[in-house]
Every structure is written in structure tokens, then in C-alpha cells.
């Protein structure tokens, strides 16, 4: 590799967007265009992960293996299924600097550096602790999205509120009562004269998604129906305030990266880890509870990505 050139970086995951996109953002912050390596072990092998071996069909010498050489300078990995593959990569290529995100639930993970959020347990000399996960919210990407959607979003009345809606998850369920409470809160914001920029996810329950789509018919509302270019970055770049549902830690973390007030909606359920994340964020960002207890004011952006990129590059160069 030429002196001063960016490293060759693999992003090693099972392909879930919530795992892959943050690591792509981190690779981009290091100046690299990442090589995406996705693992897809057969079910019998997933039962043994993260402790067991990789699926033999993915042996490095086999065609299409996610571990096929040439090996990278840095590998960024996350997820239970990725752990055995990272462990095998480190055995095959000891010079590769291996970074693992989230609690791997095993000490045999093969990583040179483990990065966890404050609500996860691992601590140690080779463990970095951050409040939020990395993301792709670089100033350049936000500025490009801001300009690209100016015609659609500039006419909205202020304050413009980005509304990021997740859905049912392992720890949360959107009941009919939750949906009604959420919609009443948005109606109240519209009555106050706000503009709304709404995006849902594949997990959003159909009754709630349909009701939100109906709001999109109003002149002071923009609703993304899943067609055309995803406006999420534009919504964030134009937002004076963000409403986000608590079921997605990634969405909550991204909302805190914009310095505007973040109002978190709590559907039924919950988990102690999510509570700890929100408590930690509340020490650094302006965090309210939607719609009952809104927060006001601004804070410095909470964004781990630039600092993590710098630290990983420093450790890789020293390795």
C-alpha cells in the first residue's frame, strides 16, 4: 500500500442494514471505500455461533467465500454470525487489524479492538466505550441531501420536525393505544403549526403506517412511501427537532448526532439496555419524551464516528 493511502477495509456482517450501514460510515470516515463481505451460514451452524466454527461452505479457498483473499488492512465486523468469521480471518491474516462492535458474548472473538456502547458490559485495555454507534451522517452527505431535497422541504413551516418511525421488535410492541397516543402527539404538533417529515420502516405496523401515510396528504407534511430516493438524510438535515421511536437504538443515536432536540416515543415494552442508552444520551444531548414531556434547547452533536475513525487508524498504524 502506498504511503499515506487509505487502508483497505472490509465490512464483515450478515448483511442487516442496521449492522452494515454504521460500519460503512466508519470506513468512509477513514477515507476508504469499504469492501462488503456478508456471511450467510446455514442454520445448523448459526446455532453454535458465536462460539462455534464458520460454515465449511465458506472456507477461504472456496468460490464466493466471504473470507477469500486478498485480505484487508482493517476488518470492521459486528453481529453474532460474524464473530466466527472474524476469528478465522485473524488466524489466516494476523496482520489484519480486526475491530469488533457490540458485546460478542465470548472472549474468543479474534478482535484486536472491541468497541461497545455504554449499555454493554465488556471493559478492558482493548475495549473502547462510546455512547452511540457509528453512522453515515457526515457533513458532506448531509449537505448533499439538504440541497437535493430543498425544493420539497424548504416550503414546510418551521419548526420542521423529522419523524423517524420504527416498529415492533424483540423488546417493543406498538399496541393500538400506542398508535393512538403517537398519532395524537403528531396531530398536536400540526395544530401548533409545525411541518412534519415522516419516514417509516419495514417493521412499522400496517395500521400505524397507513395512518401516517394519510397525514402525508396535508400540505405541511411530507411522508416517504418507500419509493424513490430515501429522504432520511434530508429530513435530518432540515430538522429543527426530531421525534424518534425507542425501538431502534441506531435511529435514536443518529437523531442525537444533529444537535437539535430529540423527543423519544416509547411504545409498549422496553429493555434495560435501551433505558441505559437513553440515560447516557440525556447527559450529552437534549432528550425529551414524546408526546408527554418534550425537551427544548440545543446541545453539541453526539457522534462517535470521527473519533472512532481516528482511533482505529492510529492503532492500525501502530500495529
C-alpha atoms as a PDB file:
ATOM      1  CA  UNK A   1       0.000   0.000   0.000  1.00  0.00           C
ATOM      2  CA  UNK A   2       1.334   3.435  -0.923  1.00  0.00           C
ATOM      3  CA  UNK A   3       2.450   5.637   1.950  1.00  0.00           C
ATOM      4  CA  UNK A   4      -0.432   7.820   3.108  1.00  0.00           C
ATOM      5  CA  UNK A   5      -3.033   5.877   1.130  1.00  0.00           C
ATOM      6  CA  UNK A   6      -6.228   4.902   2.947  1.00  0.00           C
ATOM      7  CA  UNK A   7      -6.367   1.333   4.229  1.00  0.00           C
ATOM      8  CA  UNK A   8      -8.223  -1.478   2.527  1.00  0.00           C
ATOM      9  CA  UNK A   9     -11.238  -2.076   4.765  1.00  0.00           C
ATOM     10  CA  UNK A  10     -13.643  -4.977   4.921  1.00  0.00           C
ATOM     11  CA  UNK A  11     -17.085  -4.601   6.481  1.00  0.00           C
ATOM     12  CA  UNK A  12     -17.995  -8.088   7.734  1.00  0.00           C
ATOM     13  CA  UNK A  13     -21.648  -8.656   8.746  1.00  0.00           C
ATOM     14  CA  UNK A  14     -24.620 -10.861   7.924  1.00  0.00           C
ATOM     15  CA  UNK A  15     -25.944  -8.039   5.740  1.00  0.00           C
ATOM     16  CA  UNK A  16     -28.529  -6.486   8.052  1.00  0.00           C
ATOM     17  CA  UNK A  17     -28.688  -2.781   7.234  1.00  0.00           C
ATOM     18  CA  UNK A  18     -28.676  -1.821  10.915  1.00  0.00           C
ATOM     19  CA  UNK A  19     -25.303  -3.547  11.301  1.00  0.00           C
ATOM     20  CA  UNK A  20     -23.754  -2.834   7.916  1.00  0.00           C
ATOM     21  CA  UNK A  21     -24.544   0.850   7.416  1.00  0.00           C
ATOM     22  CA  UNK A  22     -22.857   2.117  10.617  1.00  0.00           C
ATOM     23  CA  UNK A  23     -19.651   0.301   9.696  1.00  0.00           C
ATOM     24  CA  UNK A  24     -19.775   1.639   6.141  1.00  0.00           C
ATOM     25  CA  UNK A  25     -19.977   5.111   7.677  1.00  0.00           C
ATOM     26  CA  UNK A  26     -16.949   4.394   9.832  1.00  0.00           C
ATOM     27  CA  UNK A  27     -14.926   3.119   6.864  1.00  0.00           C
ATOM     28  CA  UNK A  28     -15.883   6.231   4.910  1.00  0.00           C
ATOM     29  CA  UNK A  29     -14.722   8.399   7.820  1.00  0.00           C
ATOM     30  CA  UNK A  30     -11.334   6.672   7.489  1.00  0.00           C
ATOM     31  CA  UNK A  31     -11.209   7.720   3.844  1.00  0.00           C
ATOM     32  CA  UNK A  32     -11.879   4.232   2.490  1.00  0.00           C
ATOM     33  CA  UNK A  33     -14.481   2.722   0.202  1.00  0.00           C
ATOM     34  CA  UNK A  34     -15.262  -0.486   2.102  1.00  0.00           C
ATOM     35  CA  UNK A  35     -15.419  -3.956   0.647  1.00  0.00           C
ATOM     36  CA  UNK A  36     -18.652  -5.567   1.851  1.00  0.00           C
ATOM     37  CA  UNK A  37     -18.228  -9.161   2.993  1.00  0.00           C
ATOM     38  CA  UNK A  38     -21.530 -10.780   4.028  1.00  0.00           C
ATOM     39  CA  UNK A  39     -21.773 -14.063   5.870  1.00  0.00           C
ATOM     40  CA  UNK A  40     -24.723 -16.424   5.390  1.00  0.00           C
ATOM     41  CA  UNK A  41     -24.059 -19.604   7.369  1.00  0.00           C
ATOM     42  CA  UNK A  42     -26.530 -22.450   7.238  1.00  0.00           C
ATOM     43  CA  UNK A  43     -28.938 -22.728  10.142  1.00  0.00           C
ATOM     44  CA  UNK A  44     -27.185 -25.634  11.878  1.00  0.00           C
ATOM     45  CA  UNK A  45     -24.007 -23.556  12.151  1.00  0.00           C
ATOM     46  CA  UNK A  46     -25.786 -20.416  13.373  1.00  0.00           C
ATOM     47  CA  UNK A  47     -26.951 -22.379  16.422  1.00  0.00           C
ATOM     48  CA  UNK A  48     -23.291 -22.645  17.520  1.00  0.00           C
ATOM     49  CA  UNK A  49     -22.435 -19.003  16.885  1.00  0.00           C
ATOM     50  CA  UNK A  50     -20.577 -17.011  18.155  1.00  0.00           C
ATOM     51  CA  UNK A  51     -18.721 -19.884  19.842  1.00  0.00           C
ATOM     52  CA  UNK A  52     -18.509 -22.432  17.039  1.00  0.00           C
ATOM     53  CA  UNK A  53     -16.744 -22.542  13.641  1.00  0.00           C
ATOM     54  CA  UNK A  54     -17.602 -20.940  10.347  1.00  0.00           C
ATOM     55  CA  UNK A  55     -19.802 -22.843   7.927  1.00  0.00           C
ATOM     56  CA  UNK A  56     -17.468 -25.161   5.923  1.00  0.00           C
ATOM     57  CA  UNK A  57     -19.093 -23.967   2.693  1.00  0.00           C
ATOM     58  CA  UNK A  58     -17.411 -20.605   3.403  1.00  0.00           C
ATOM     59  CA  UNK A  59     -13.874 -21.956   3.683  1.00  0.00           C
ATOM     60  CA  UNK A  60     -11.484 -19.267   2.356  1.00  0.00           C
ATOM     61  CA  UNK A  61     -10.357 -21.387  -0.601  1.00  0.00           C
ATOM     62  CA  UNK A  62     -13.918 -21.946  -1.846  1.00  0.00           C
ATOM     63  CA  UNK A  63     -15.533 -19.821  -4.537  1.00  0.00           C
ATOM     64  CA  UNK A  64     -17.624 -16.984  -3.134  1.00  0.00           C
ATOM     65  CA  UNK A  65     -16.248 -17.272   0.393  1.00  0.00           C
ATOM     66  CA  UNK A  66     -16.623 -14.077   2.452  1.00  0.00           C
ATOM     67  CA  UNK A  67     -13.061 -14.767   3.657  1.00  0.00           C
ATOM     68  CA  UNK A  68     -11.492 -15.094   0.209  1.00  0.00           C
ATOM     69  CA  UNK A  69      -8.166 -13.230  -0.125  1.00  0.00           C
ATOM     70  CA  UNK A  70      -6.635 -10.766  -0.711  1.00  0.00           C
ATOM     71  CA  UNK A  71      -7.039  -9.870   2.936  1.00  0.00           C
ATOM     72  CA  UNK A  72      -7.662  -6.315   4.126  1.00  0.00           C
ATOM     73  CA  UNK A  73      -5.625  -3.952   6.254  1.00  0.00           C
ATOM     74  CA  UNK A  74      -8.587  -3.461   8.591  1.00  0.00           C
ATOM     75  CA  UNK A  75     -11.713  -5.510   9.141  1.00  0.00           C
ATOM     76  CA  UNK A  76     -14.776  -3.981  10.813  1.00  0.00           C
ATOM     77  CA  UNK A  77     -17.238  -6.631  11.992  1.00  0.00           C
ATOM     78  CA  UNK A  78     -20.398  -6.912  14.027  1.00  0.00           C
ATOM     79  CA  UNK A  79     -23.067  -9.468  14.818  1.00  0.00           C
ATOM     80  CA  UNK A  80     -23.157 -12.943  16.329  1.00  0.00           C
ATOM     81  CA  UNK A  81     -22.825 -14.675  12.955  1.00  0.00           C
ATOM     82  CA  UNK A  82     -19.789 -12.597  12.001  1.00  0.00           C
ATOM     83  CA  UNK A  83     -17.744 -13.480  15.107  1.00  0.00           C
ATOM     84  CA  UNK A  84     -16.500 -16.937  13.954  1.00  0.00           C
ATOM     85  CA  UNK A  85     -15.569 -15.459  10.582  1.00  0.00           C
ATOM     86  CA  UNK A  86     -13.585 -12.662  12.212  1.00  0.00           C
ATOM     87  CA  UNK A  87     -11.837 -15.200  14.428  1.00  0.00           C
ATOM     88  CA  UNK A  88     -10.922 -17.259  11.353  1.00  0.00           C
ATOM     89  CA  UNK A  89      -9.769 -14.166   9.452  1.00  0.00           C
ATOM     90  CA  UNK A  90      -7.397 -13.223  12.266  1.00  0.00           C
ATOM     91  CA  UNK A  91      -5.903 -16.721  12.197  1.00  0.00           C
ATOM     92  CA  UNK A  92      -5.455 -16.536   8.428  1.00  0.00           C
ATOM     93  CA  UNK A  93      -4.171 -12.947   8.309  1.00  0.00           C
ATOM     94  CA  UNK A  94      -2.537 -11.930  11.611  1.00  0.00           C
ATOM     95  CA  UNK A  95      -1.516  -8.569  10.119  1.00  0.00           C
ATOM     96  CA  UNK A  96      -5.152  -7.560   9.546  1.00  0.00           C
ATOM     97  CA  UNK A  97      -6.301  -5.180  12.274  1.00  0.00           C
ATOM     98  CA  UNK A  98      -9.628  -6.635  13.390  1.00  0.00           C
ATOM     99  CA  UNK A  99     -12.295  -4.480  15.050  1.00  0.00           C
ATOM    100  CA  UNK A 100     -15.489  -5.909  16.510  1.00  0.00           C
ATOM    101  CA  UNK A 101     -18.573  -3.932  17.533  1.00  0.00           C
ATOM    102  CA  UNK A 102     -21.052  -4.824  20.291  1.00  0.00           C
ATOM    103  CA  UNK A 103     -20.740  -7.405  23.051  1.00  0.00           C
ATOM    104  CA  UNK A 104     -19.583 -10.649  21.350  1.00  0.00           C
ATOM    105  CA  UNK A 105     -20.662 -12.846  24.312  1.00  0.00           C
ATOM    106  CA  UNK A 106     -17.341 -14.647  24.067  1.00  0.00           C
ATOM    107  CA  UNK A 107     -13.690 -13.872  24.730  1.00  0.00           C
ATOM    108  CA  UNK A 108     -12.688 -15.897  21.671  1.00  0.00           C
ATOM    109  CA  UNK A 109     -13.638 -13.252  19.137  1.00  0.00           C
ATOM    110  CA  UNK A 110     -10.346 -12.651  17.334  1.00  0.00           C
ATOM    111  CA  UNK A 111     -10.532  -8.866  17.501  1.00  0.00           C
ATOM    112  CA  UNK A 112      -7.622  -6.571  18.246  1.00  0.00           C
ATOM    113  CA  UNK A 113     -10.105  -3.932  19.374  1.00  0.00           C
ATOM    114  CA  UNK A 114     -13.614  -4.235  20.768  1.00  0.00           C
ATOM    115  CA  UNK A 115     -15.980  -1.243  20.580  1.00  0.00           C
ATOM    116  CA  UNK A 116     -19.118  -1.239  22.717  1.00  0.00           C
ATOM    117  CA  UNK A 117     -21.740   1.270  23.736  1.00  0.00           C
ATOM    118  CA  UNK A 118     -22.056   2.272  27.377  1.00  0.00           C
ATOM    119  CA  UNK A 119     -25.041  -0.015  27.919  1.00  0.00           C
ATOM    120  CA  UNK A 120     -22.963  -3.109  27.041  1.00  0.00           C
ATOM    121  CA  UNK A 121     -20.813  -4.829  29.640  1.00  0.00           C
ATOM    122  CA  UNK A 122     -17.317  -5.551  28.222  1.00  0.00           C
ATOM    123  CA  UNK A 123     -14.492  -3.415  29.565  1.00  0.00           C
ATOM    124  CA  UNK A 124     -10.713  -3.758  29.312  1.00  0.00           C
ATOM    125  CA  UNK A 125      -7.479  -2.487  27.802  1.00  0.00           C
ATOM    126  CA  UNK A 126      -8.541  -3.205  24.231  1.00  0.00           C
ATOM    127  CA  UNK A 127     -12.135  -2.047  24.652  1.00  0.00           C
ATOM    128  CA  UNK A 128     -13.405   1.378  23.583  1.00  0.00           C
ATOM    129  CA  UNK A 129     -16.675   2.581  25.098  1.00  0.00           C
ATOM    130  CA  UNK A 130     -18.873   5.061  23.215  1.00  0.00           C
ATOM    131  CA  UNK A 131     -22.345   6.459  23.766  1.00  0.00           C
ATOM    132  CA  UNK A 132     -23.691   5.926  20.240  1.00  0.00           C
ATOM    133  CA  UNK A 133     -22.881   3.602  17.361  1.00  0.00           C
ATOM    134  CA  UNK A 134     -21.078   4.996  14.302  1.00  0.00           C
ATOM    135  CA  UNK A 135     -23.175   6.315  11.437  1.00  0.00           C
ATOM    136  CA  UNK A 136     -23.046   7.732   7.905  1.00  0.00           C
ATOM    137  CA  UNK A 137     -24.078  11.270   8.888  1.00  0.00           C
ATOM    138  CA  UNK A 138     -21.010  13.031   7.537  1.00  0.00           C
ATOM    139  CA  UNK A 139     -21.287  16.788   6.952  1.00  0.00           C
ATOM    140  CA  UNK A 140     -20.777  16.217   3.230  1.00  0.00           C
ATOM    141  CA  UNK A 141     -23.576  13.667   2.884  1.00  0.00           C
ATOM    142  CA  UNK A 142     -25.951  15.821   4.950  1.00  0.00           C
ATOM    143  CA  UNK A 143     -25.158  18.891   2.843  1.00  0.00           C
ATOM    144  CA  UNK A 144     -25.732  16.988  -0.399  1.00  0.00           C
ATOM    145  CA  UNK A 145     -29.077  15.653   0.845  1.00  0.00           C
ATOM    146  CA  UNK A 146     -30.101  19.101   2.102  1.00  0.00           C
ATOM    147  CA  UNK A 147     -29.569  20.569  -1.351  1.00  0.00           C
ATOM    148  CA  UNK A 148     -31.136  17.641  -3.208  1.00  0.00           C
ATOM    149  CA  UNK A 149     -34.446  17.902  -1.316  1.00  0.00           C
ATOM    150  CA  UNK A 150     -34.595  21.682  -0.912  1.00  0.00           C
ATOM    151  CA  UNK A 151     -37.480  22.103  -3.353  1.00  0.00           C
ATOM    152  CA  UNK A 152     -39.647  19.634  -1.423  1.00  0.00           C
ATOM    153  CA  UNK A 153     -38.712  20.538   2.143  1.00  0.00           C
ATOM    154  CA  UNK A 154     -37.944  24.270   2.188  1.00  0.00           C
ATOM    155  CA  UNK A 155     -41.664  25.236   1.853  1.00  0.00           C
ATOM    156  CA  UNK A 156     -42.581  23.386   5.081  1.00  0.00           C
ATOM    157  CA  UNK A 157     -43.422  25.638   8.027  1.00  0.00           C
ATOM    158  CA  UNK A 158     -40.971  25.836  10.898  1.00  0.00           C
ATOM    159  CA  UNK A 159     -40.174  24.268  13.186  1.00  0.00           C
ATOM    160  CA  UNK A 160     -39.678  21.334  10.848  1.00  0.00           C
ATOM    161  CA  UNK A 161     -39.902  18.037  12.722  1.00  0.00           C
ATOM    162  CA  UNK A 162     -38.321  14.848  11.382  1.00  0.00           C
ATOM    163  CA  UNK A 163     -40.378  11.845  12.495  1.00  0.00           C
ATOM    164  CA  UNK A 164     -38.461   8.540  12.419  1.00  0.00           C
ATOM    165  CA  UNK A 165     -40.776   5.586  12.998  1.00  0.00           C
ATOM    166  CA  UNK A 166     -39.594   2.052  13.662  1.00  0.00           C
ATOM    167  CA  UNK A 167     -41.921  -0.717  14.742  1.00  0.00           C
ATOM    168  CA  UNK A 168     -42.344  -3.988  16.549  1.00  0.00           C
ATOM    169  CA  UNK A 169     -39.076  -5.510  17.728  1.00  0.00           C
ATOM    170  CA  UNK A 170     -37.773  -8.092  20.160  1.00  0.00           C
ATOM    171  CA  UNK A 171     -38.388  -5.743  23.079  1.00  0.00           C
ATOM    172  CA  UNK A 172     -41.189  -3.418  21.887  1.00  0.00           C
ATOM    173  CA  UNK A 173     -44.733  -3.756  20.571  1.00  0.00           C
ATOM    174  CA  UNK A 174     -46.858  -0.970  19.104  1.00  0.00           C
ATOM    175  CA  UNK A 175     -50.322  -1.548  20.562  1.00  0.00           C
ATOM    176  CA  UNK A 176     -53.463   0.201  19.328  1.00  0.00           C
ATOM    177  CA  UNK A 177     -53.184   2.503  22.344  1.00  0.00           C
ATOM    178  CA  UNK A 178     -49.556   3.297  21.460  1.00  0.00           C
ATOM    179  CA  UNK A 179     -50.519   4.109  17.872  1.00  0.00           C
ATOM    180  CA  UNK A 180     -53.309   6.419  19.035  1.00  0.00           C
ATOM    181  CA  UNK A 181     -51.017   8.191  21.502  1.00  0.00           C
ATOM    182  CA  UNK A 182     -48.333   8.668  18.846  1.00  0.00           C
ATOM    183  CA  UNK A 183     -50.784   9.990  16.257  1.00  0.00           C
ATOM    184  CA  UNK A 184     -52.411  12.371  18.749  1.00  0.00           C
ATOM    185  CA  UNK A 185     -48.967  13.758  19.536  1.00  0.00           C
ATOM    186  CA  UNK A 186     -48.277  14.403  15.854  1.00  0.00           C
ATOM    187  CA  UNK A 187     -51.701  15.986  15.386  1.00  0.00           C
ATOM    188  CA  UNK A 188     -50.903  18.337  18.247  1.00  0.00           C
ATOM    189  CA  UNK A 189     -47.644  19.359  16.559  1.00  0.00           C
ATOM    190  CA  UNK A 190     -49.539  20.080  13.347  1.00  0.00           C
ATOM    191  CA  UNK A 191     -52.040  22.208  15.269  1.00  0.00           C
ATOM    192  CA  UNK A 192     -49.063  24.143  16.657  1.00  0.00           C
ATOM    193  CA  UNK A 193     -48.060  24.959  13.070  1.00  0.00           C
ATOM    194  CA  UNK A 194     -45.113  22.590  12.685  1.00  0.00           C
ATOM    195  CA  UNK A 195     -44.047  20.927   9.467  1.00  0.00           C
ATOM    196  CA  UNK A 196     -43.596  17.149   9.644  1.00  0.00           C
ATOM    197  CA  UNK A 197     -41.193  14.974   7.641  1.00  0.00           C
ATOM    198  CA  UNK A 198     -42.159  11.336   8.278  1.00  0.00           C
ATOM    199  CA  UNK A 199     -40.407   8.097   7.408  1.00  0.00           C
ATOM    200  CA  UNK A 200     -41.391   4.585   8.482  1.00  0.00           C
ATOM    201  CA  UNK A 201     -39.622   1.222   8.373  1.00  0.00           C
ATOM    202  CA  UNK A 202     -40.428  -2.308   7.272  1.00  0.00           C
ATOM    203  CA  UNK A 203     -41.250  -3.067  10.917  1.00  0.00           C
ATOM    204  CA  UNK A 204     -43.894  -0.338  11.264  1.00  0.00           C
ATOM    205  CA  UNK A 205     -47.305  -1.959  11.930  1.00  0.00           C
ATOM    206  CA  UNK A 206     -49.659  -1.547   8.980  1.00  0.00           C
ATOM    207  CA  UNK A 207     -52.364   0.405  10.884  1.00  0.00           C
ATOM    208  CA  UNK A 208     -49.806   2.969  12.041  1.00  0.00           C
ATOM    209  CA  UNK A 209     -48.082   3.167   8.650  1.00  0.00           C
ATOM    210  CA  UNK A 210     -51.428   3.707   6.923  1.00  0.00           C
ATOM    211  CA  UNK A 211     -52.429   6.465   9.342  1.00  0.00           C
ATOM    212  CA  UNK A 212     -49.072   8.202   8.871  1.00  0.00           C
ATOM    213  CA  UNK A 213     -49.442   7.912   5.119  1.00  0.00           C
ATOM    214  CA  UNK A 214     -52.792   9.677   5.455  1.00  0.00           C
ATOM    215  CA  UNK A 215     -51.079  12.554   7.248  1.00  0.00           C
ATOM    216  CA  UNK A 216     -48.883  12.892   4.176  1.00  0.00           C
ATOM    217  CA  UNK A 217     -51.847  14.315   2.267  1.00  0.00           C
ATOM    218  CA  UNK A 218     -51.681  17.503   4.302  1.00  0.00           C
ATOM    219  CA  UNK A 219     -49.699  20.421   2.842  1.00  0.00           C
ATOM    220  CA  UNK A 220     -47.460  20.786   5.918  1.00  0.00           C
ATOM    221  CA  UNK A 221     -46.457  17.095   5.908  1.00  0.00           C
ATOM    222  CA  UNK A 222     -44.012  15.082   3.822  1.00  0.00           C
ATOM    223  CA  UNK A 223     -44.325  11.290   4.048  1.00  0.00           C
ATOM    224  CA  UNK A 224     -41.901   8.891   2.381  1.00  0.00           C
ATOM    225  CA  UNK A 225     -43.818   5.927   0.973  1.00  0.00           C
ATOM    226  CA  UNK A 226     -40.720   3.873   0.237  1.00  0.00           C
ATOM    227  CA  UNK A 227     -40.491   4.793  -3.437  1.00  0.00           C
ATOM    228  CA  UNK A 228     -37.795   6.955  -4.977  1.00  0.00           C
ATOM    229  CA  UNK A 229     -34.702   8.209  -3.224  1.00  0.00           C
ATOM    230  CA  UNK A 230     -34.656   7.725   0.539  1.00  0.00           C
ATOM    231  CA  UNK A 231     -35.009  11.204   2.110  1.00  0.00           C
ATOM    232  CA  UNK A 232     -33.822  10.269   5.616  1.00  0.00           C
ATOM    233  CA  UNK A 233     -30.602  12.283   5.445  1.00  0.00           C
ATOM    234  CA  UNK A 234     -32.502  15.243   4.021  1.00  0.00           C
ATOM    235  CA  UNK A 235     -35.119  15.043   6.764  1.00  0.00           C
ATOM    236  CA  UNK A 236     -32.352  15.096   9.364  1.00  0.00           C
ATOM    237  CA  UNK A 237     -30.511  17.943   7.675  1.00  0.00           C
ATOM    238  CA  UNK A 238     -33.659  20.116   7.549  1.00  0.00           C
ATOM    239  CA  UNK A 239     -34.919  19.209  11.028  1.00  0.00           C
ATOM    240  CA  UNK A 240     -35.314  21.721  13.840  1.00  0.00           C
ATOM    241  CA  UNK A 241     -36.435  18.857  16.055  1.00  0.00           C
ATOM    242  CA  UNK A 242     -36.578  15.059  15.791  1.00  0.00           C
ATOM    243  CA  UNK A 243     -39.204  12.597  17.004  1.00  0.00           C
ATOM    244  CA  UNK A 244     -37.901   9.021  17.069  1.00  0.00           C
ATOM    245  CA  UNK A 245     -39.275   5.729  18.376  1.00  0.00           C
ATOM    246  CA  UNK A 246     -37.330   3.956  21.123  1.00  0.00           C
ATOM    247  CA  UNK A 247     -37.290   0.527  19.457  1.00  0.00           C
ATOM    248  CA  UNK A 248     -34.214   1.340  17.338  1.00  0.00           C
ATOM    249  CA  UNK A 249     -31.005   2.279  19.145  1.00  0.00           C
ATOM    250  CA  UNK A 250     -29.417   3.170  15.803  1.00  0.00           C
ATOM    251  CA  UNK A 251     -32.186   5.668  14.975  1.00  0.00           C
ATOM    252  CA  UNK A 252     -32.017   7.183  18.462  1.00  0.00           C
ATOM    253  CA  UNK A 253     -28.245   7.521  18.171  1.00  0.00           C
ATOM    254  CA  UNK A 254     -28.449   9.096  14.718  1.00  0.00           C
ATOM    255  CA  UNK A 255     -31.023  11.602  15.959  1.00  0.00           C
ATOM    256  CA  UNK A 256     -28.642  12.708  18.700  1.00  0.00           C
ATOM    257  CA  UNK A 257     -25.940  13.479  16.112  1.00  0.00           C
ATOM    258  CA  UNK A 258     -27.752  16.568  14.812  1.00  0.00           C
ATOM    259  CA  UNK A 259     -27.647  18.844  17.918  1.00  0.00           C
ATOM    260  CA  UNK A 260     -31.415  19.524  17.772  1.00  0.00           C
ATOM    261  CA  UNK A 261     -33.902  18.415  20.465  1.00  0.00           C
ATOM    262  CA  UNK A 262     -34.740  14.693  20.302  1.00  0.00           C
ATOM    263  CA  UNK A 263     -38.166  13.554  21.502  1.00  0.00           C
ATOM    264  CA  UNK A 264     -38.303   9.785  22.078  1.00  0.00           C
ATOM    265  CA  UNK A 265     -41.573   7.877  21.804  1.00  0.00           C
ATOM    266  CA  UNK A 266     -41.750   4.777  23.996  1.00  0.00           C
ATOM    267  CA  UNK A 267     -44.096   2.038  22.716  1.00  0.00           C
ATOM    268  CA  UNK A 268     -45.110  -0.830  24.968  1.00  0.00           C
ATOM    269  CA  UNK A 269     -42.282  -2.982  26.292  1.00  0.00           C
ATOM    270  CA  UNK A 270     -38.705  -1.878  26.684  1.00  0.00           C
ATOM    271  CA  UNK A 271     -35.364  -3.165  27.879  1.00  0.00           C
ATOM    272  CA  UNK A 272     -32.824  -2.114  30.489  1.00  0.00           C
ATOM    273  CA  UNK A 273     -30.113  -1.671  27.824  1.00  0.00           C
ATOM    274  CA  UNK A 274     -32.267   0.800  25.912  1.00  0.00           C
ATOM    275  CA  UNK A 275     -33.038   2.650  29.128  1.00  0.00           C
ATOM    276  CA  UNK A 276     -29.307   2.884  29.860  1.00  0.00           C
ATOM    277  CA  UNK A 277     -28.600   4.219  26.353  1.00  0.00           C
ATOM    278  CA  UNK A 278     -31.241   6.918  26.704  1.00  0.00           C
ATOM    279  CA  UNK A 279     -29.976   7.823  30.171  1.00  0.00           C
ATOM    280  CA  UNK A 280     -26.427   8.161  28.822  1.00  0.00           C
ATOM    281  CA  UNK A 281     -27.604  10.230  25.862  1.00  0.00           C
ATOM    282  CA  UNK A 282     -29.525  12.515  28.189  1.00  0.00           C
ATOM    283  CA  UNK A 283     -26.197  13.553  29.730  1.00  0.00           C
ATOM    284  CA  UNK A 284     -24.944  14.813  26.354  1.00  0.00           C
ATOM    285  CA  UNK A 285     -27.954  15.620  24.160  1.00  0.00           C
ATOM    286  CA  UNK A 286     -31.338  17.315  24.597  1.00  0.00           C
ATOM    287  CA  UNK A 287     -33.674  14.348  25.116  1.00  0.00           C
ATOM    288  CA  UNK A 288     -37.416  14.533  25.754  1.00  0.00           C
ATOM    289  CA  UNK A 289     -40.278  12.061  25.932  1.00  0.00           C
ATOM    290  CA  UNK A 290     -42.865  12.250  23.157  1.00  0.00           C
ATOM    291  CA  UNK A 291     -45.528  13.472  23.426  1.00  0.00           C
ATOM    292  CA  UNK A 292     -45.760  13.931  27.196  1.00  0.00           C
ATOM    293  CA  UNK A 293     -42.504  15.650  28.163  1.00  0.00           C
ATOM    294  CA  UNK A 294     -40.846  17.489  25.261  1.00  0.00           C
ATOM    295  CA  UNK A 295     -37.341  18.824  25.692  1.00  0.00           C
ATOM    296  CA  UNK A 296     -36.102  22.161  24.368  1.00  0.00           C
ATOM    297  CA  UNK A 297     -32.746  23.691  23.513  1.00  0.00           C
ATOM    298  CA  UNK A 298     -29.644  22.564  21.664  1.00  0.00           C
ATOM    299  CA  UNK A 299     -26.507  20.621  22.512  1.00  0.00           C
ATOM    300  CA  UNK A 300     -23.306  19.583  20.796  1.00  0.00           C
ATOM    301  CA  UNK A 301     -23.796  16.722  18.329  1.00  0.00           C
ATOM    302  CA  UNK A 302     -23.249  13.272  19.852  1.00  0.00           C
ATOM    303  CA  UNK A 303     -21.384  11.425  17.108  1.00  0.00           C
ATOM    304  CA  UNK A 304     -18.786   8.744  17.795  1.00  0.00           C
ATOM    305  CA  UNK A 305     -17.829   8.257  14.149  1.00  0.00           C
ATOM    306  CA  UNK A 306     -14.977  10.782  13.626  1.00  0.00           C
ATOM    307  CA  UNK A 307     -13.261   9.906  16.906  1.00  0.00           C
ATOM    308  CA  UNK A 308     -13.540   6.165  16.307  1.00  0.00           C
ATOM    309  CA  UNK A 309     -12.152   6.511  12.793  1.00  0.00           C
ATOM    310  CA  UNK A 310      -9.150   8.434  14.091  1.00  0.00           C
ATOM    311  CA  UNK A 311      -8.513   5.957  16.913  1.00  0.00           C
ATOM    312  CA  UNK A 312      -8.748   2.890  14.681  1.00  0.00           C
ATOM    313  CA  UNK A 313      -6.353   4.391  12.143  1.00  0.00           C
ATOM    314  CA  UNK A 314      -3.902   5.265  14.923  1.00  0.00           C
ATOM    315  CA  UNK A 315      -3.974   1.738  16.335  1.00  0.00           C
ATOM    316  CA  UNK A 316      -3.721   0.136  12.895  1.00  0.00           C
ATOM    317  CA  UNK A 317      -0.661   2.214  12.014  1.00  0.00           C
ATOM    318  CA  UNK A 318       0.959   1.290  15.315  1.00  0.00           C
ATOM    319  CA  UNK A 319       0.203  -2.433  14.977  1.00  0.00           C
END
